[in-house]
Every structure is written in C-alpha cells, then in structure tokens.
N, C-alpha and C. Protein backbone atom coordinates (compact mmCIF):
# COMPACT_ATOMS: atom_id res chain seq x y z
N MET A 1 -4.18 5.18 53.32
CA MET A 1 -5.15 5.76 53.65
C MET A 1 -5.15 7.88 53.94
N SER A 2 -5.84 8.53 53.44
CA SER A 2 -5.29 9.69 53.73
C SER A 2 -5.70 10.73 55.15
N ALA A 3 -5.16 11.53 55.44
CA ALA A 3 -5.36 12.10 56.83
C ALA A 3 -6.96 12.38 56.85
N PRO A 4 -7.48 12.29 58.43
CA PRO A 4 -8.96 11.76 58.26
C PRO A 4 -9.83 13.84 57.69
N GLY A 5 -10.37 13.64 57.00
CA GLY A 5 -11.53 14.41 56.50
C GLY A 5 -10.94 15.23 55.23
N VAL A 6 -10.16 14.21 54.76
CA VAL A 6 -9.58 15.15 53.40
C VAL A 6 -10.55 14.70 52.03
N ALA A 7 -11.33 13.32 52.37
CA ALA A 7 -12.68 13.66 51.39
C ALA A 7 -13.37 14.58 51.39
N GLU A 8 -13.82 14.60 52.71
CA GLU A 8 -15.07 15.31 53.08
C GLU A 8 -14.88 16.61 52.50
N THR A 9 -13.54 17.36 52.88
CA THR A 9 -12.99 18.75 52.37
C THR A 9 -12.91 18.45 51.05
N LEU A 10 -12.62 17.73 50.14
CA LEU A 10 -13.04 17.41 48.62
C LEU A 10 -14.34 17.68 48.41
N LEU A 11 -15.19 17.02 48.29
CA LEU A 11 -16.41 16.78 48.36
C LEU A 11 -16.93 18.16 48.33
N LEU A 12 -16.45 19.16 48.53
CA LEU A 12 -17.18 20.58 48.05
C LEU A 12 -16.65 20.74 46.72
N ALA A 13 -15.72 20.18 46.43
CA ALA A 13 -15.02 20.26 44.66
C ALA A 13 -16.06 19.94 43.83
N ILE A 14 -17.02 19.12 44.17
CA ILE A 14 -18.43 18.65 43.16
C ILE A 14 -19.58 19.16 43.75
N VAL A 15 -19.61 19.87 44.24
CA VAL A 15 -21.48 21.00 44.69
C VAL A 15 -21.20 21.55 43.77
N GLU A 16 -22.17 21.56 43.30
CA GLU A 16 -22.33 22.61 42.06
C GLU A 16 -22.78 24.06 42.78
N ARG A 17 -22.47 25.15 42.27
CA ARG A 17 -22.72 26.55 43.39
C ARG A 17 -23.47 27.28 41.67
N GLY A 18 -23.89 28.41 42.52
CA GLY A 18 -24.39 29.38 41.52
C GLY A 18 -26.34 29.02 41.16
N PRO A 19 -26.29 29.42 39.80
CA PRO A 19 -27.43 29.15 38.89
C PRO A 19 -27.60 28.10 38.84
N ALA A 20 -26.68 27.12 38.99
CA ALA A 20 -27.35 25.76 38.51
C ALA A 20 -27.88 24.86 39.89
N LEU A 21 -28.16 25.31 40.95
CA LEU A 21 -28.57 25.17 41.95
C LEU A 21 -29.51 26.25 42.19
N THR A 22 -31.09 25.53 43.11
CA THR A 22 -32.46 26.08 43.74
C THR A 22 -32.08 26.63 44.51
N VAL A 23 -33.08 28.30 44.96
CA VAL A 23 -32.27 28.83 45.85
C VAL A 23 -32.60 27.65 47.57
N GLN A 24 -33.69 27.10 47.27
CA GLN A 24 -33.74 25.37 48.34
C GLN A 24 -32.23 24.58 48.28
N GLN A 25 -31.84 24.58 47.21
CA GLN A 25 -30.48 23.81 47.33
C GLN A 25 -29.45 24.86 48.13
N ARG A 26 -29.36 26.20 47.61
CA ARG A 26 -28.45 27.09 48.27
C ARG A 26 -28.52 27.29 50.12
N GLN A 27 -30.20 27.04 50.32
CA GLN A 27 -30.42 27.36 51.25
C GLN A 27 -30.22 26.05 52.53
N GLY A 28 -29.79 24.98 51.36
CA GLY A 28 -29.72 23.54 52.68
C GLY A 28 -31.29 23.26 53.02
N THR A 29 -32.35 23.41 52.48
CA THR A 29 -33.81 22.67 52.42
C THR A 29 -33.65 21.70 51.79
N VAL A 30 -33.32 21.66 50.61
CA VAL A 30 -33.32 20.62 49.30
C VAL A 30 -31.85 19.84 49.18
N CYS A 31 -31.84 18.93 49.15
CA CYS A 31 -30.55 17.92 48.91
C CYS A 31 -29.95 18.62 47.53
N VAL A 32 -28.77 18.85 47.18
CA VAL A 32 -27.81 19.32 46.44
C VAL A 32 -27.46 18.71 45.31
N TRP A 33 -28.19 17.14 45.37
CA TRP A 33 -27.75 16.09 44.50
C TRP A 33 -29.20 15.51 43.88
N CYS A 34 -30.40 15.62 44.80
CA CYS A 34 -31.41 15.26 44.50
C CYS A 34 -32.52 16.26 44.80
N PRO A 35 -34.07 15.91 44.45
CA PRO A 35 -34.86 16.71 45.45
C PRO A 35 -35.45 16.33 46.33
N THR A 36 -34.99 15.80 47.23
CA THR A 36 -35.34 15.52 48.82
C THR A 36 -35.34 16.78 49.81
N VAL A 37 -36.42 16.90 50.17
CA VAL A 37 -36.79 17.78 50.84
C VAL A 37 -35.90 17.27 52.08
N LEU A 38 -35.27 18.26 52.84
CA LEU A 38 -35.02 18.50 54.01
C LEU A 38 -35.19 19.11 55.40
N ARG A 39 -35.84 18.70 56.16
CA ARG A 39 -36.52 19.18 57.34
C ARG A 39 -34.62 19.39 58.12
N PRO A 40 -35.59 20.07 59.00
CA PRO A 40 -34.29 20.74 60.01
C PRO A 40 -33.46 20.04 60.36
N GLY A 41 -32.70 19.70 60.38
CA GLY A 41 -31.46 18.26 61.50
C GLY A 41 -31.37 17.22 60.59
N ASP A 42 -32.19 17.11 59.27
CA ASP A 42 -32.17 15.87 58.71
C ASP A 42 -30.93 16.44 57.52
N GLY A 43 -30.36 15.32 56.69
CA GLY A 43 -28.94 15.66 55.79
C GLY A 43 -28.38 15.70 56.57
N THR A 44 -26.57 16.41 55.78
CA THR A 44 -25.94 16.50 56.30
C THR A 44 -24.98 17.60 55.86
N ASP A 45 -24.60 18.93 56.40
CA ASP A 45 -23.99 19.91 56.23
C ASP A 45 -23.02 19.63 55.29
N ILE A 46 -22.68 19.99 53.99
CA ILE A 46 -21.58 19.23 53.12
C ILE A 46 -20.87 20.81 53.25
N ARG A 47 -20.44 21.62 53.60
CA ARG A 47 -19.86 22.93 53.92
C ARG A 47 -19.04 22.86 55.39
N ASP A 48 -19.43 22.42 56.11
CA ASP A 48 -18.99 21.76 57.21
C ASP A 48 -18.42 22.96 58.28
N GLY A 49 -18.36 24.08 58.14
CA GLY A 49 -17.40 25.65 58.19
C GLY A 49 -16.17 25.45 57.22
N HIS A 50 -16.17 25.11 56.35
CA HIS A 50 -14.98 24.65 55.16
C HIS A 50 -14.76 26.17 54.01
N THR A 51 -16.39 27.24 54.25
CA THR A 51 -16.28 27.93 53.36
C THR A 51 -17.13 29.11 54.07
N ALA A 52 -16.91 30.29 53.60
CA ALA A 52 -17.11 31.49 54.19
C ALA A 52 -18.38 32.39 53.33
N GLU A 53 -18.82 31.50 52.07
CA GLU A 53 -19.87 31.97 51.41
C GLU A 53 -21.80 32.23 52.22
N ARG A 54 -21.69 33.69 52.77
CA ARG A 54 -22.88 33.62 53.32
C ARG A 54 -24.11 33.12 52.56
N ASP A 55 -24.14 32.97 51.35
CA ASP A 55 -25.64 32.60 50.89
C ASP A 55 -25.53 31.27 50.30
N TRP A 56 -24.49 30.08 50.72
CA TRP A 56 -24.89 28.76 50.26
C TRP A 56 -24.70 27.88 51.30
N TRP A 57 -25.44 27.33 52.01
CA TRP A 57 -25.56 26.15 52.73
C TRP A 57 -25.80 24.83 52.61
N PRO A 58 -25.03 24.58 51.62
CA PRO A 58 -25.12 22.63 50.77
C PRO A 58 -25.12 22.20 51.88
N HIS A 59 -26.39 21.09 51.82
CA HIS A 59 -26.87 20.13 52.70
C HIS A 59 -26.82 18.85 51.53
N ALA A 60 -27.35 17.36 51.85
CA ALA A 60 -27.24 16.99 51.32
C ALA A 60 -28.23 15.76 51.84
N CYS A 61 -28.83 14.62 51.06
CA CYS A 61 -29.58 13.67 51.90
C CYS A 61 -28.80 12.15 52.58
N LYS A 62 -28.57 11.47 52.89
CA LYS A 62 -27.87 10.91 53.75
C LYS A 62 -27.36 9.82 52.40
N PRO A 63 -28.31 9.45 51.51
CA PRO A 63 -27.60 8.03 50.87
C PRO A 63 -26.93 9.28 49.44
N CYS A 64 -27.26 10.50 49.23
CA CYS A 64 -26.48 11.02 47.87
C CYS A 64 -25.01 11.37 49.09
N TYR A 65 -25.35 11.35 50.14
CA TYR A 65 -24.18 12.17 51.09
C TYR A 65 -23.10 10.94 50.70
N ALA A 66 -23.47 9.88 51.28
CA ALA A 66 -22.57 8.89 51.14
C ALA A 66 -21.91 8.21 49.94
N ALA A 67 -23.26 8.44 48.79
CA ALA A 67 -22.34 7.90 47.42
C ALA A 67 -21.31 9.18 46.91
N HIS A 68 -21.95 10.57 47.25
CA HIS A 68 -20.33 11.31 46.40
C HIS A 68 -19.47 11.09 47.59
N LEU A 69 -19.82 11.01 48.85
CA LEU A 69 -18.39 10.55 49.42
C LEU A 69 -17.27 9.59 48.93
N ARG A 70 -18.12 8.16 49.18
CA ARG A 70 -17.23 7.50 48.25
C ARG A 70 -16.57 7.51 46.76
N SER A 71 -17.25 8.44 46.07
CA SER A 71 -17.02 8.50 44.87
C SER A 71 -15.69 9.75 45.10
N VAL A 72 -15.56 10.42 46.01
CA VAL A 72 -14.76 11.59 46.31
C VAL A 72 -13.15 10.43 47.19
N ALA A 73 -14.05 10.11 48.13
CA ALA A 73 -13.06 9.19 48.66
C ALA A 73 -11.99 7.55 48.39
N THR A 74 -12.54 7.09 46.92
CA THR A 74 -11.83 6.14 45.97
C THR A 74 -11.11 6.89 45.11
N ALA A 75 -11.30 8.49 44.73
CA ALA A 75 -10.34 9.28 44.35
C ALA A 75 -8.95 9.68 45.13
N VAL A 76 -9.40 10.06 46.25
CA VAL A 76 -8.52 10.21 47.55
C VAL A 76 -7.62 9.12 47.33
N ASP A 77 -8.01 7.78 47.63
CA ASP A 77 -6.96 6.17 47.89
C ASP A 77 -6.19 5.83 46.68
N TRP A 78 -7.20 6.52 45.15
CA TRP A 78 -6.09 6.14 44.13
C TRP A 78 -4.93 7.05 44.35
N HIS A 79 -5.49 8.35 44.29
CA HIS A 79 -4.00 9.60 44.12
C HIS A 79 -2.98 9.41 45.53
N ASP A 80 -3.54 8.75 46.64
CA ASP A 80 -2.45 8.73 47.45
C ASP A 80 -1.72 7.15 46.95
N HIS A 81 -2.29 6.19 46.76
CA HIS A 81 -1.30 5.14 46.10
C HIS A 81 -0.31 5.51 45.04
N LEU A 82 -1.24 6.18 43.95
CA LEU A 82 0.06 6.62 43.09
C LEU A 82 1.20 7.51 43.40
N LEU A 83 0.76 8.37 44.57
CA LEU A 83 1.97 9.26 45.40
C LEU A 83 2.94 8.11 46.08
N GLY A 84 2.84 6.92 46.58
CA GLY A 84 3.45 6.20 47.50
C GLY A 84 3.76 4.72 46.56
N CYS A 85 3.70 4.53 45.60
CA CYS A 85 3.46 3.48 44.90
C CYS A 85 5.05 3.35 44.26
N ALA A 86 6.43 2.34 44.43
CA ALA A 86 7.54 2.66 43.49
C ALA A 86 6.87 2.52 41.99
N ALA A 87 6.48 1.54 42.04
CA ALA A 87 6.10 1.36 40.10
C ALA A 87 5.67 2.27 39.85
N CYS A 88 4.38 2.68 40.61
CA CYS A 88 3.23 3.82 39.91
C CYS A 88 4.19 5.44 39.67
N CYS A 89 5.35 5.06 40.43
CA CYS A 89 5.59 6.47 40.72
C CYS A 89 6.67 6.83 39.32
N GLN A 90 7.00 5.51 38.61
CA GLN A 90 8.18 5.12 37.42
C GLN A 90 7.45 5.08 36.42
N HIS A 91 5.70 5.34 36.01
CA HIS A 91 4.99 5.51 35.49
C HIS A 91 4.87 3.84 34.83
N ALA A 92 4.95 2.58 35.81
CA ALA A 92 4.85 1.62 35.29
C ALA A 92 3.49 0.69 36.30
N PRO A 93 2.58 1.04 35.86
CA PRO A 93 1.37 0.53 36.97
C PRO A 93 1.28 -0.71 37.37
N CYS A 94 1.45 -0.46 38.62
CA CYS A 94 0.96 -2.27 39.49
C CYS A 94 -0.36 -2.64 39.57
N SER A 95 -0.74 -3.44 40.04
CA SER A 95 -2.30 -3.87 39.64
C SER A 95 -2.99 -3.45 40.94
N THR A 96 -2.09 -3.06 41.70
CA THR A 96 -3.36 -2.44 42.55
C THR A 96 -3.78 -0.98 42.05
N VAL A 97 -3.36 -0.15 41.68
CA VAL A 97 -3.98 0.96 40.59
C VAL A 97 -5.24 1.05 39.69
N GLY A 98 -5.16 -0.45 39.18
CA GLY A 98 -6.05 -0.88 38.07
C GLY A 98 -7.21 -0.65 39.57
N THR A 99 -6.97 -1.58 40.36
CA THR A 99 -8.27 -1.89 41.36
C THR A 99 -8.75 -0.78 41.81
N LEU A 100 -7.96 0.28 41.94
CA LEU A 100 -8.53 1.86 43.01
C LEU A 100 -8.91 2.67 41.32
N ARG A 101 -8.52 2.65 41.04
CA ARG A 101 -9.23 3.38 39.62
C ARG A 101 -10.30 2.45 38.91
N ALA A 102 -10.83 1.03 39.06
CA ALA A 102 -11.84 0.85 38.63
C ALA A 102 -13.20 1.24 39.76
N ALA A 103 -12.40 1.05 40.96
CA ALA A 103 -13.72 1.17 42.09
C ALA A 103 -13.71 2.80 42.08
N HIS A 104 -13.02 3.88 41.78
CA HIS A 104 -13.48 5.07 41.51
C HIS A 104 -14.39 5.23 40.12
N ILE A 105 -14.13 4.40 39.14
CA ILE A 105 -14.90 4.54 38.13
C ILE A 105 -16.43 4.50 38.11
N GLU A 106 -16.42 3.14 39.21
CA GLU A 106 -17.56 2.46 39.75
C GLU A 106 -18.64 3.80 40.18
N ALA A 107 -17.84 4.38 41.66
CA ALA A 107 -18.32 5.32 42.54
C ALA A 107 -18.76 5.83 41.64
N ARG A 108 -18.21 6.69 40.42
CA ARG A 108 -18.20 7.55 39.72
C ARG A 108 -19.67 7.32 38.65
N ARG A 109 -19.95 6.01 38.58
CA ARG A 109 -20.94 5.33 37.82
C ARG A 109 -22.36 5.83 38.78
N ARG A 110 -22.36 5.30 40.14
CA ARG A 110 -22.99 5.40 40.72
C ARG A 110 -23.81 6.81 40.79
N ILE A 111 -23.06 7.66 40.80
CA ILE A 111 -23.62 9.03 41.04
C ILE A 111 -24.21 9.28 39.65
N GLY A 112 -24.06 9.09 38.79
CA GLY A 112 -24.50 9.22 37.45
C GLY A 112 -23.80 10.30 36.59
N ARG A 113 -22.14 10.38 37.26
CA ARG A 113 -21.18 11.25 36.33
C ARG A 113 -20.64 10.36 35.45
N PRO A 114 -20.40 11.58 34.11
CA PRO A 114 -20.40 10.69 32.68
C PRO A 114 -19.43 9.79 32.69
N ALA A 115 -18.57 9.59 31.26
CA ALA A 115 -17.47 9.27 31.33
C ALA A 115 -15.90 9.87 31.72
N VAL A 116 -14.92 9.30 32.36
CA VAL A 116 -13.83 10.14 32.84
C VAL A 116 -13.08 10.94 31.08
N TRP A 117 -12.96 12.65 30.67
CA TRP A 117 -12.20 12.64 29.59
C TRP A 117 -11.07 13.60 30.20
N CYS A 118 -9.83 13.12 29.73
CA CYS A 118 -8.50 13.99 29.83
C CYS A 118 -9.22 15.63 29.82
N SER A 119 -8.56 16.50 30.50
CA SER A 119 -8.50 17.79 30.86
C SER A 119 -7.85 18.31 30.12
N GLU A 120 -6.68 18.02 29.16
CA GLU A 120 -5.89 18.53 28.31
C GLU A 120 -6.21 18.29 27.03
N CYS A 121 -6.22 17.08 26.72
CA CYS A 121 -6.69 16.72 24.65
C CYS A 121 -8.68 16.74 24.82
N LEU A 122 -9.17 16.72 26.13
CA LEU A 122 -10.68 17.08 25.87
C LEU A 122 -11.37 15.12 25.46
N ASN A 123 -10.56 14.08 24.93
CA ASN A 123 -10.85 12.84 24.79
C ASN A 123 -11.23 11.95 26.01
N ILE A 124 -12.08 11.09 25.81
CA ILE A 124 -12.98 10.17 26.95
C ILE A 124 -11.42 8.93 27.12
N MET A 125 -11.43 9.06 28.29
CA MET A 125 -10.46 8.26 28.59
C MET A 125 -10.97 6.68 28.73
N ARG A 126 -9.67 5.89 27.80
CA ARG A 126 -9.93 4.44 27.71
C ARG A 126 -9.78 3.39 28.72
N PRO A 127 -10.02 2.19 29.28
CA PRO A 127 -9.22 1.72 30.21
C PRO A 127 -7.97 1.39 29.91
N ASP A 128 -7.95 1.09 28.69
CA ASP A 128 -5.96 0.46 28.30
C ASP A 128 -5.56 1.81 28.12
N GLU A 129 -5.77 2.96 28.83
CA GLU A 129 -5.10 4.42 28.68
C GLU A 129 -4.43 4.56 30.17
N LEU A 130 -3.65 5.11 30.07
CA LEU A 130 -2.45 5.21 31.23
C LEU A 130 -3.10 6.93 31.65
N TRP A 131 -3.98 6.75 32.74
CA TRP A 131 -4.38 8.37 32.88
C TRP A 131 -4.76 8.43 34.54
N GLN A 132 -4.48 9.60 35.15
CA GLN A 132 -4.89 9.72 36.40
C GLN A 132 -5.45 11.06 36.97
N GLN A 133 -5.61 11.45 38.34
CA GLN A 133 -6.53 11.96 38.28
C GLN A 133 -5.42 13.58 38.43
N TYR A 134 -6.20 14.50 38.32
CA TYR A 134 -5.66 16.03 38.40
C TYR A 134 -6.05 16.94 39.15
N LEU A 135 -5.63 17.25 40.30
CA LEU A 135 -6.52 17.91 41.42
C LEU A 135 -5.59 19.65 40.87
N TRP A 136 -6.31 20.61 40.86
CA TRP A 136 -6.17 22.01 40.65
C TRP A 136 -7.01 22.63 41.27
N GLN A 137 -6.55 24.25 41.15
CA GLN A 137 -7.40 25.78 41.99
C GLN A 137 -8.20 26.26 40.36
N SER A 138 -8.50 26.30 41.14
CA SER A 138 -9.92 27.26 40.22
C SER A 138 -9.98 28.06 40.73
N ARG A 139 -10.87 29.36 40.61
CA ARG A 139 -11.49 30.39 41.04
C ARG A 139 -12.99 30.13 42.12
N ARG A 140 -12.80 28.67 42.18
CA ARG A 140 -14.08 28.25 43.19
C ARG A 140 -13.47 27.12 44.15
N GLY A 141 -12.33 27.07 43.78
CA GLY A 141 -12.03 25.99 44.62
C GLY A 141 -10.83 24.71 44.49
N THR A 142 -10.77 23.81 45.02
CA THR A 142 -10.10 22.73 44.47
C THR A 142 -11.07 21.99 43.12
N GLU A 143 -10.45 21.17 42.01
CA GLU A 143 -10.95 20.90 41.08
C GLU A 143 -10.43 19.55 41.02
N LEU A 144 -11.08 18.53 40.55
CA LEU A 144 -10.52 16.90 40.35
C LEU A 144 -10.85 16.91 38.90
N SER A 145 -10.07 16.62 38.14
CA SER A 145 -9.67 16.52 36.60
C SER A 145 -9.11 15.01 36.53
N TYR A 146 -9.30 14.94 35.24
CA TYR A 146 -8.47 13.85 34.86
C TYR A 146 -7.18 14.25 33.67
N ARG A 147 -6.10 13.58 33.55
CA ARG A 147 -5.84 13.78 32.52
C ARG A 147 -4.37 11.92 32.07
N HIS A 148 -3.95 12.09 31.02
CA HIS A 148 -3.15 11.44 30.24
C HIS A 148 -2.11 11.27 31.10
N THR A 149 -1.14 10.09 31.49
CA THR A 149 0.21 10.02 32.22
C THR A 149 0.96 10.40 31.20
N GLY A 150 1.51 11.13 30.93
CA GLY A 150 2.89 11.50 30.22
C GLY A 150 1.83 12.65 28.99
N THR A 151 2.13 11.88 27.71
CA THR A 151 1.72 13.09 26.82
C THR A 151 0.00 12.58 26.06
N CYS A 152 -0.15 13.11 25.85
CA CYS A 152 -1.95 12.43 25.61
C CYS A 152 -1.61 11.86 23.92
N PRO A 153 -2.38 10.78 23.72
CA PRO A 153 -2.34 10.19 22.46
C PRO A 153 -2.79 10.99 21.09
N PRO A 154 -2.47 10.85 19.90
CA PRO A 154 -2.82 12.16 18.98
C PRO A 154 -4.23 11.28 18.88
N PRO A 155 -4.76 12.54 18.46
CA PRO A 155 -6.73 12.41 17.97
C PRO A 155 -7.01 11.08 16.96
C-alpha cells in the first residue's frame, strides 16, 4: 500500500479543467463529475491545498468522490505491486497482478471511463496482453495513462 494521501493527490489528475467544466463546477458549488448541487459544507474538496489555481475549487459529491478515489487507489495498489514484485519486475506477471489490474478496470468501469488504450500505439488493450500504467508529467500535472509492457504489438 502506498503512503497515505497518494491516491487523494493523484485524484487531481483525473479532474477536468478549463472549459470542460461549468462555472459552478470550477467554483465548487456543483460536483465535478455529476450535476449534484453542493451546498456549503457538502461534498469533498478535491484540491485540498494541492494547487495554487485561484479560480478553480473542485469539489465532488460523496458518492462520486468515493468512486473516483477507488479508481485511483486501485491504480496505485497495482502500480506499487509492479514495483515490489520480483516476478512482475522480470516481466513474468504473477497471479496477483491480474487481480489488481482487474480491480482497477472494474473501478474505471464504475465511473464511466472508456476502455484502456496504449498511450504509444493508441490501440485498446486486450485482457490477454501485457500492459501497465504509465504516470507522466504534463503541463497540467501528473497524468495517468497505460502502455504495453515491452514493445507494442503490430497493428
């Protein structure tokens, strides 16, 4: 398991910014993932002091926050396993990695995320292929993507 707060911090990576959000969503009066209106004291502050953007106060209703946090937490658990498992480090996946990956895919499905696709070859990942998460830094912060382990298969 990762250090406390890692999943909460990475949750910012999957929150839309800019014109994709309404003024109310940017102001934190409407959930960033659904149309639930948030009264003062309702919802969860996703930013929680992790960004200095003055015009962006993302909040989520409790059900959306829990579901999206679960998606990120399953990604973190999977990632941590890949780093610490001797078999997985040798590109010989153990049985646990399949369970962790399936939990992440299910958590993504529950929040309406599309199929996982490779950030290098842009193909949708099949369950029988070897692939993993890919964390990288963009201008907006940490991004969570996926890519094939090793080389991408031919088209």
